[in-house]
Amino acid sequence: MALFEFDDQTHRMRLTATTPTVTVEAVLAEMAFEPLMAATVEEMAPPTADELMWLRERIDPARLVIGKGKTIRL
């Protein structure tokens, strides 16, 4: 959904990118706090089929984390 980096000076998260199907506004609406914003919030490339396989079958096969979001179909 989104990519953040950590600001070493303020100790706050900074929104740097979103996935192609998600707007910055949608990311912010799901957050309990307001992050810092990059000067330009980029659009991430969608995950490859291999990356999705790793996420779904090896990293989180029980879908404890990624199963709670929207499914990406290629």
Protein backbone atom coordinates (compact mmCIF):
# COMPACT_ATOMS: atom_id res chain seq x y z
CA MET A 1 0.00 0.00 0.00
CA ALA A 2 2.77 2.47 0.90
CA LEU A 3 6.48 2.84 1.50
CA PHE A 4 7.91 4.87 4.37
CA GLU A 5 11.38 5.89 5.49
CA PHE A 6 12.50 6.92 8.95
CA ASP A 7 13.63 10.49 9.56
CA ASP A 8 16.67 10.33 11.85
CA GLN A 9 16.30 13.92 13.06
CA THR A 10 12.60 13.97 13.96
CA HIS A 11 12.24 10.21 14.61
CA ARG A 12 9.08 10.23 12.49
CA MET A 13 8.02 8.21 9.47
CA ARG A 14 8.04 9.85 6.03
CA LEU A 15 5.70 8.69 3.26
CA THR A 16 7.82 8.23 0.13
CA ALA A 17 5.73 6.07 -2.25
CA THR A 18 2.38 4.39 -2.80
CA THR A 19 1.26 1.46 -4.91
CA PRO A 20 -0.36 2.30 -8.27
CA THR A 21 -3.91 1.62 -7.06
CA VAL A 22 -3.68 3.62 -3.80
CA THR A 23 -3.73 7.38 -3.38
CA VAL A 24 -1.83 9.35 -0.77
CA GLU A 25 -5.19 10.37 0.68
CA ALA A 26 -6.23 6.71 1.08
CA VAL A 27 -2.98 5.90 2.90
CA LEU A 28 -3.40 8.85 5.25
CA ALA A 29 -7.04 7.91 5.95
CA GLU A 30 -5.89 4.50 7.26
CA MET A 31 -3.24 5.92 9.59
CA ALA A 32 -3.65 6.79 13.26
CA PHE A 33 -1.02 9.57 12.97
CA GLU A 34 0.17 12.01 10.36
CA PRO A 35 3.54 11.12 8.81
CA LEU A 36 6.02 13.48 7.27
CA MET A 37 5.67 13.73 3.50
CA ALA A 38 8.42 13.39 0.91
CA ALA A 39 8.76 16.34 -1.43
CA THR A 40 7.45 14.02 -4.15
CA VAL A 41 5.54 10.84 -3.25
CA GLU A 42 6.51 8.36 -5.95
CA GLU A 43 4.47 5.49 -7.40
CA MET A 44 5.94 2.04 -6.71
CA ALA A 45 6.03 -0.59 -9.40
CA PRO A 46 3.55 -3.40 -8.74
CA PRO A 47 5.07 -6.59 -7.30
CA THR A 48 6.18 -9.25 -9.74
CA ALA A 49 4.56 -12.69 -9.77
CA ASP A 50 7.67 -14.06 -8.03
CA GLU A 51 7.52 -11.41 -5.30
CA LEU A 52 3.83 -12.16 -4.71
CA MET A 53 4.63 -15.88 -4.45
CA TRP A 54 7.29 -15.17 -1.81
CA LEU A 55 4.94 -12.96 0.18
CA ARG A 56 1.97 -15.32 0.01
CA GLU A 57 3.67 -18.71 0.25
CA ARG A 58 6.87 -18.17 2.23
CA ILE A 59 6.78 -14.95 4.24
CA ASP A 60 3.13 -14.96 5.37
CA PRO A 61 1.51 -18.28 4.35
CA ALA A 62 -1.07 -18.02 7.17
CA ARG A 63 -2.04 -14.58 5.81
CA LEU A 64 -1.70 -13.00 9.23
CA VAL A 65 -0.60 -9.68 7.73
CA ILE A 66 -0.94 -9.57 3.96
CA GLY A 67 -4.28 -11.40 3.96
CA LYS A 68 -5.89 -8.43 5.65
CA GLY A 69 -5.40 -6.14 2.66
CA LYS A 70 -6.61 -6.15 -0.90
CA THR A 71 -5.42 -8.96 -3.15
CA ILE A 72 -3.25 -7.94 -6.11
CA ARG A 73 -3.83 -9.99 -9.23
CA LEU A 74 -1.43 -9.85 -12.18
